[in-house]
């Protein structure tokens, strides 16, 4: 029921209190969020929580606030839940940093706008980026996520990916980005 309806229609019904529409939206976005989140939680930050747990928590929290969500454009809900998941990931990283006596990451206010990454590269390119990122080795993926998506400083990236200096972290990220660009070029050529 409702699974063939466009997301915008399901969202409108969910905002009006239709529980079946909300369930259908969650079922639709769960696999998308799981694919996007896969590999984005660095090994050093994992504790009792894993990426799939974060996806579930994000969807549950989003579902509780769906009535208040005001879509401004096509794809706004997907951008909203992706940003919510990114915020959850940042919270886990902050907690992990505190647990390990690491320097605490700067707090950022929760934003419901598209992420800078999404605005910079657009949704189609973001899909190519996500797919290419998943094909990289875990250490390359973690380096890119730490610097590009989470915006960590070079010393924080070094700590996150196990490098002994900010300059070695820069080099690791640079090399990982070159590999990512090659993967994206190959993926874009296949489309």
Foldseek 3Di string as FASTA:
>chain_A
DCLPPDLVVLLVVLLVPDVVSLVSNLVVCLVVQCLLQPLLQFPLLDDVDDLSNLSVVLSVVCSVCSNVDDDPDPCLVVQQSNLSSLLSSLVSVQVSCVVVVHDGDDDDDRDSDRDPVCVVQPDVLVVLLSVLLVPDDSLLSNLCSVCPVVNHQLVVSCVRSVHPDSVVSVVSNVVSVVSSVVSSVVVVVVD
